[in-house]
Amino acid sequence: MRTQRIWIVTVLGTVLFLLFAAGSCKKKEEPRGVGGEAINLSALNEIENYKEILRKDPNNLQALINIGNLWALSLDPRNVNVRTDMAVCYRRSGNPDKAIEELKKVISIDPRHPQSRYNLGVILIHDKNDIEGGIQAWEGLLENIPEYRYRDSLRAEITKMRAMAESMKPKTR
């Protein structure tokens, strides 16, 4: 575990170093990502915010992870794995709405990305108290990815969530 954390900090530190080095070499042209498309300037602004956090606290692991994800997304905005990781970071930092937004972007890019659909269901159920929305996200996973390896356990979880939602409805006489 400690070796893994050291490795993560080393990799992210390298990314951070490259970001700082790149920041000192100002280019006149608009930054471009994969395929020549313009890089999202709001992502670059968020990177600058994380740089400021890291100037004050160079060992802030969450800031290192976020800056790495943002940098990767600024280069390749259609990278669904990085977007899904970014959504997890948003959730962990207390911003489930931003996490949901990222996961919906992933699903629009790749409707068959299982982790994004699963995570969307978790956030809707546990962070937004939207059991029905979470169930819909998970059912979308099962519809779009029939070979999903955890299909049976997810079906059982959906059944459990439906029962929970039913028990929460007011009783009518």
C-alpha atoms as a PDB file:
ATOM      1  CA  MET A   1       0.000   0.000   0.000  1.00  0.00           C
ATOM      2  CA  ARG A   2       2.794   2.427   0.951  1.00  0.00           C
ATOM      3  CA  THR A   3       4.722   1.517  -2.211  1.00  0.00           C
ATOM      4  CA  GLN A   4       1.612   2.178  -4.307  1.00  0.00           C
ATOM      5  CA  ARG A   5       1.071   5.568  -2.647  1.00  0.00           C
ATOM      6  CA  ILE A   6       4.737   6.496  -3.234  1.00  0.00           C
ATOM      7  CA  TRP A   7       4.378   5.462  -6.875  1.00  0.00           C
ATOM      8  CA  ILE A   8       1.200   7.557  -7.292  1.00  0.00           C
ATOM      9  CA  VAL A   9       2.821  10.596  -5.682  1.00  0.00           C
ATOM     10  CA  THR A  10       5.925  10.147  -7.877  1.00  0.00           C
ATOM     11  CA  VAL A  11       3.876   9.905 -11.088  1.00  0.00           C
ATOM     12  CA  LEU A  12       1.666  12.812 -10.163  1.00  0.00           C
ATOM     13  CA  GLY A  13       4.686  14.814  -9.030  1.00  0.00           C
ATOM     14  CA  THR A  14       6.217  14.261 -12.461  1.00  0.00           C
ATOM     15  CA  VAL A  15       2.988  15.416 -14.106  1.00  0.00           C
ATOM     16  CA  LEU A  16       2.963  18.452 -11.848  1.00  0.00           C
ATOM     17  CA  PHE A  17       6.596  19.229 -12.681  1.00  0.00           C
ATOM     18  CA  LEU A  18       5.820  19.005 -16.386  1.00  0.00           C
ATOM     19  CA  LEU A  19       2.821  21.273 -15.911  1.00  0.00           C
ATOM     20  CA  PHE A  20       4.908  23.884 -14.119  1.00  0.00           C
ATOM     21  CA  ALA A  21       7.636  23.609 -16.744  1.00  0.00           C
ATOM     22  CA  ALA A  22       5.086  23.925 -19.545  1.00  0.00           C
ATOM     23  CA  GLY A  23       3.519  26.929 -17.817  1.00  0.00           C
ATOM     24  CA  SER A  24       6.811  28.821 -17.963  1.00  0.00           C
ATOM     25  CA  CYS A  25       7.011  28.423 -21.747  1.00  0.00           C
ATOM     26  CA  LYS A  26       4.107  30.567 -22.942  1.00  0.00           C
ATOM     27  CA  LYS A  27       2.965  29.819 -26.486  1.00  0.00           C
ATOM     28  CA  LYS A  28       1.295  32.423 -28.654  1.00  0.00           C
ATOM     29  CA  GLU A  29      -1.130  30.002 -30.291  1.00  0.00           C
ATOM     30  CA  GLU A  30      -4.266  28.555 -28.686  1.00  0.00           C
ATOM     31  CA  PRO A  31      -3.528  25.231 -26.963  1.00  0.00           C
ATOM     32  CA  ARG A  32      -4.607  22.126 -28.898  1.00  0.00           C
ATOM     33  CA  GLY A  33      -5.441  18.600 -27.777  1.00  0.00           C
ATOM     34  CA  VAL A  34      -5.587  15.246 -29.544  1.00  0.00           C
ATOM     35  CA  GLY A  35      -6.931  15.665 -33.071  1.00  0.00           C
ATOM     36  CA  GLY A  36      -6.098  19.385 -33.096  1.00  0.00           C
ATOM     37  CA  GLU A  37      -9.192  20.533 -31.184  1.00  0.00           C
ATOM     38  CA  ALA A  38      -8.862  23.513 -28.853  1.00  0.00           C
ATOM     39  CA  ILE A  39      -8.205  22.618 -25.222  1.00  0.00           C
ATOM     40  CA  ASN A  40     -11.002  23.504 -22.806  1.00  0.00           C
ATOM     41  CA  LEU A  41      -9.892  26.740 -21.165  1.00  0.00           C
ATOM     42  CA  SER A  42     -12.024  26.154 -18.056  1.00  0.00           C
ATOM     43  CA  ALA A  43      -9.993  22.973 -17.464  1.00  0.00           C
ATOM     44  CA  LEU A  44      -6.821  25.041 -17.770  1.00  0.00           C
ATOM     45  CA  ASN A  45      -8.232  27.493 -15.217  1.00  0.00           C
ATOM     46  CA  GLU A  46      -8.991  24.620 -12.844  1.00  0.00           C
ATOM     47  CA  ILE A  47      -5.422  23.376 -13.328  1.00  0.00           C
ATOM     48  CA  GLU A  48      -4.172  26.821 -12.302  1.00  0.00           C
ATOM     49  CA  ASN A  49      -6.346  26.638  -9.166  1.00  0.00           C
ATOM     50  CA  TYR A  50      -4.841  23.269  -8.254  1.00  0.00           C
ATOM     51  CA  LYS A  51      -1.336  24.615  -8.887  1.00  0.00           C
ATOM     52  CA  GLU A  52      -2.056  27.291  -6.287  1.00  0.00           C
ATOM     53  CA  ILE A  53      -3.254  24.656  -3.812  1.00  0.00           C
ATOM     54  CA  LEU A  54      -0.077  22.662  -4.460  1.00  0.00           C
ATOM     55  CA  ARG A  55       2.144  25.704  -3.939  1.00  0.00           C
ATOM     56  CA  LYS A  56       0.702  25.903  -0.416  1.00  0.00           C
ATOM     57  CA  ASP A  57       0.517  22.139   0.173  1.00  0.00           C
ATOM     58  CA  PRO A  58       2.805  20.202  -2.207  1.00  0.00           C
ATOM     59  CA  ASN A  59       1.729  16.844  -0.724  1.00  0.00           C
ATOM     60  CA  ASN A  60      -2.018  17.327  -1.287  1.00  0.00           C
ATOM     61  CA  LEU A  61      -2.762  13.985  -2.950  1.00  0.00           C
ATOM     62  CA  GLN A  62      -6.291  14.908  -4.035  1.00  0.00           C
ATOM     63  CA  ALA A  63      -5.010  18.060  -5.764  1.00  0.00           C
ATOM     64  CA  LEU A  64      -2.278  16.019  -7.493  1.00  0.00           C
ATOM     65  CA  ILE A  65      -4.829  13.492  -8.744  1.00  0.00           C
ATOM     66  CA  ASN A  66      -7.236  16.199  -9.882  1.00  0.00           C
ATOM     67  CA  ILE A  67      -4.566  18.169 -11.714  1.00  0.00           C
ATOM     68  CA  GLY A  68      -3.403  15.017 -13.489  1.00  0.00           C
ATOM     69  CA  ASN A  69      -6.954  14.162 -14.553  1.00  0.00           C
ATOM     70  CA  LEU A  70      -7.673  17.710 -15.699  1.00  0.00           C
ATOM     71  CA  TRP A  71      -4.462  17.839 -17.687  1.00  0.00           C
ATOM     72  CA  ALA A  72      -5.259  14.515 -19.364  1.00  0.00           C
ATOM     73  CA  LEU A  73      -8.784  15.721 -20.172  1.00  0.00           C
ATOM     74  CA  SER A  74      -7.472  18.973 -21.591  1.00  0.00           C
ATOM     75  CA  LEU A  75      -5.429  16.887 -24.037  1.00  0.00           C
ATOM     76  CA  ASP A  76      -8.092  14.249 -24.732  1.00  0.00           C
ATOM     77  CA  PRO A  77     -11.589  15.332 -23.643  1.00  0.00           C
ATOM     78  CA  ARG A  78     -13.119  12.078 -24.901  1.00  0.00           C
ATOM     79  CA  ASN A  79     -11.033   9.851 -22.589  1.00  0.00           C
ATOM     80  CA  VAL A  80     -13.818   8.034 -20.747  1.00  0.00           C
ATOM     81  CA  ASN A  81     -11.577   6.397 -18.150  1.00  0.00           C
ATOM     82  CA  VAL A  82     -10.055   9.696 -17.055  1.00  0.00           C
ATOM     83  CA  ARG A  83     -13.504  11.350 -16.999  1.00  0.00           C
ATOM     84  CA  THR A  84     -14.793   8.519 -14.790  1.00  0.00           C
ATOM     85  CA  ASP A  85     -11.819   8.950 -12.445  1.00  0.00           C
ATOM     86  CA  MET A  86     -12.465  12.694 -12.374  1.00  0.00           C
ATOM     87  CA  ALA A  87     -16.074  12.016 -11.383  1.00  0.00           C
ATOM     88  CA  VAL A  88     -14.846   9.909  -8.464  1.00  0.00           C
ATOM     89  CA  CYS A  89     -12.576  12.783  -7.402  1.00  0.00           C
ATOM     90  CA  TYR A  90     -15.494  15.221  -7.565  1.00  0.00           C
ATOM     91  CA  ARG A  91     -17.630  12.906  -5.437  1.00  0.00           C
ATOM     92  CA  ARG A  92     -14.885  12.402  -2.863  1.00  0.00           C
ATOM     93  CA  SER A  93     -14.374  16.156  -2.622  1.00  0.00           C
ATOM     94  CA  GLY A  94     -18.072  16.658  -1.843  1.00  0.00           C
ATOM     95  CA  ASN A  95     -19.352  17.661  -5.274  1.00  0.00           C
ATOM     96  CA  PRO A  96     -21.737  14.892  -6.423  1.00  0.00           C
ATOM     97  CA  ASP A  97     -23.465  17.190  -8.945  1.00  0.00           C
ATOM     98  CA  LYS A  98     -20.202  17.742 -10.824  1.00  0.00           C
ATOM     99  CA  ALA A  99     -19.534  13.988 -10.597  1.00  0.00           C
ATOM    100  CA  ILE A 100     -22.930  13.255 -12.156  1.00  0.00           C
ATOM    101  CA  GLU A 101     -22.214  15.771 -14.923  1.00  0.00           C
ATOM    102  CA  GLU A 102     -18.895  14.040 -15.724  1.00  0.00           C
ATOM    103  CA  LEU A 103     -20.480  10.584 -15.737  1.00  0.00           C
ATOM    104  CA  LYS A 104     -23.245  11.715 -18.073  1.00  0.00           C
ATOM    105  CA  LYS A 105     -20.557  13.044 -20.442  1.00  0.00           C
ATOM    106  CA  VAL A 106     -18.867   9.642 -20.346  1.00  0.00           C
ATOM    107  CA  ILE A 107     -22.129   7.854 -21.118  1.00  0.00           C
ATOM    108  CA  SER A 108     -22.801  10.207 -24.042  1.00  0.00           C
ATOM    109  CA  ILE A 109     -19.319   9.433 -25.408  1.00  0.00           C
ATOM    110  CA  ASP A 110     -19.461   5.678 -24.722  1.00  0.00           C
ATOM    111  CA  PRO A 111     -22.851   4.221 -23.714  1.00  0.00           C
ATOM    112  CA  ARG A 112     -21.141   0.864 -23.067  1.00  0.00           C
ATOM    113  CA  HIS A 113     -18.722   2.133 -20.396  1.00  0.00           C
ATOM    114  CA  PRO A 114     -19.772   0.007 -17.397  1.00  0.00           C
ATOM    115  CA  GLN A 115     -17.926   1.795 -14.584  1.00  0.00           C
ATOM    116  CA  SER A 116     -19.473   5.169 -15.407  1.00  0.00           C
ATOM    117  CA  ARG A 117     -22.993   3.728 -15.434  1.00  0.00           C
ATOM    118  CA  TYR A 118     -22.383   1.867 -12.180  1.00  0.00           C
ATOM    119  CA  ASN A 119     -20.873   4.923 -10.486  1.00  0.00           C
ATOM    120  CA  LEU A 120     -23.768   7.100 -11.667  1.00  0.00           C
ATOM    121  CA  GLY A 121     -26.198   4.738  -9.927  1.00  0.00           C
ATOM    122  CA  VAL A 122     -24.160   4.779  -6.716  1.00  0.00           C
ATOM    123  CA  ILE A 123     -23.994   8.591  -6.610  1.00  0.00           C
ATOM    124  CA  LEU A 124     -27.675   9.027  -7.417  1.00  0.00           C
ATOM    125  CA  ILE A 125     -28.700   6.580  -4.697  1.00  0.00           C
ATOM    126  CA  HIS A 126     -26.235   7.415  -1.944  1.00  0.00           C
ATOM    127  CA  ASP A 127     -25.454  11.102  -2.492  1.00  0.00           C
ATOM    128  CA  LYS A 128     -28.635  12.436  -4.085  1.00  0.00           C
ATOM    129  CA  ASN A 129     -31.145  10.056  -2.440  1.00  0.00           C
ATOM    130  CA  ASP A 130     -32.553   9.357  -5.901  1.00  0.00           C
ATOM    131  CA  ILE A 131     -33.184   5.625  -5.696  1.00  0.00           C
ATOM    132  CA  GLU A 132     -35.279   5.527  -8.855  1.00  0.00           C
ATOM    133  CA  GLY A 133     -32.615   7.446 -10.821  1.00  0.00           C
ATOM    134  CA  GLY A 134     -29.922   5.096  -9.532  1.00  0.00           C
ATOM    135  CA  ILE A 135     -31.957   2.058 -10.516  1.00  0.00           C
ATOM    136  CA  GLN A 136     -32.439   3.538 -14.003  1.00  0.00           C
ATOM    137  CA  ALA A 137     -28.678   4.060 -14.324  1.00  0.00           C
ATOM    138  CA  TRP A 138     -28.011   0.454 -13.343  1.00  0.00           C
ATOM    139  CA  GLU A 139     -30.749  -0.868 -15.643  1.00  0.00           C
ATOM    140  CA  GLY A 140     -29.128   1.152 -18.438  1.00  0.00           C
ATOM    141  CA  LEU A 141     -25.871  -0.628 -17.636  1.00  0.00           C
ATOM    142  CA  LEU A 142     -27.551  -4.044 -17.918  1.00  0.00           C
ATOM    143  CA  GLU A 143     -29.313  -3.067 -21.176  1.00  0.00           C
ATOM    144  CA  ASN A 144     -26.218  -1.652 -22.854  1.00  0.00           C
ATOM    145  CA  ILE A 145     -23.735  -4.229 -21.579  1.00  0.00           C
ATOM    146  CA  PRO A 146     -25.451  -7.630 -21.568  1.00  0.00           C
ATOM    147  CA  GLU A 147     -22.128  -9.373 -20.823  1.00  0.00           C
ATOM    148  CA  TYR A 148     -21.520  -7.275 -17.674  1.00  0.00           C
ATOM    149  CA  ARG A 149     -19.539  -9.557 -15.363  1.00  0.00           C
ATOM    150  CA  TYR A 150     -21.392  -8.529 -12.180  1.00  0.00           C
ATOM    151  CA  ARG A 151     -24.818  -8.792 -13.780  1.00  0.00           C
ATOM    152  CA  ASP A 152     -26.355 -11.131 -11.200  1.00  0.00           C
ATOM    153  CA  SER A 153     -25.177  -9.170  -8.158  1.00  0.00           C
ATOM    154  CA  LEU A 154     -26.311  -5.910  -9.762  1.00  0.00           C
ATOM    155  CA  ARG A 155     -29.758  -7.390 -10.438  1.00  0.00           C
ATOM    156  CA  ALA A 156     -29.930  -8.404  -6.767  1.00  0.00           C
ATOM    157  CA  GLU A 157     -28.944  -4.867  -5.727  1.00  0.00           C
ATOM    158  CA  ILE A 158     -31.637  -3.401  -8.008  1.00  0.00           C
ATOM    159  CA  THR A 159     -34.222  -5.691  -6.390  1.00  0.00           C
ATOM    160  CA  LYS A 160     -33.048  -4.581  -2.946  1.00  0.00           C
ATOM    161  CA  MET A 161     -33.223  -0.896  -3.932  1.00  0.00           C
ATOM    162  CA  ARG A 162     -36.736  -1.339  -5.380  1.00  0.00           C
ATOM    163  CA  ALA A 163     -37.876  -2.920  -2.098  1.00  0.00           C
ATOM    164  CA  MET A 164     -36.302  -0.047  -0.162  1.00  0.00           C
ATOM    165  CA  ALA A 165     -38.016   2.530  -2.375  1.00  0.00           C
ATOM    166  CA  GLU A 166     -41.348   0.731  -1.967  1.00  0.00           C
ATOM    167  CA  SER A 167     -41.007   0.638   1.810  1.00  0.00           C
ATOM    168  CA  MET A 168     -40.356   4.398   1.869  1.00  0.00           C
ATOM    169  CA  LYS A 169     -43.606   5.238   0.049  1.00  0.00           C
ATOM    170  CA  PRO A 170     -46.395   6.504   2.298  1.00  0.00           C
ATOM    171  CA  LYS A 171     -49.000   3.847   3.097  1.00  0.00           C
ATOM    172  CA  THR A 172     -52.500   4.524   1.780  1.00  0.00           C
ATOM    173  CA  ARG A 173     -55.621   3.030   3.307  1.00  0.00           C
END
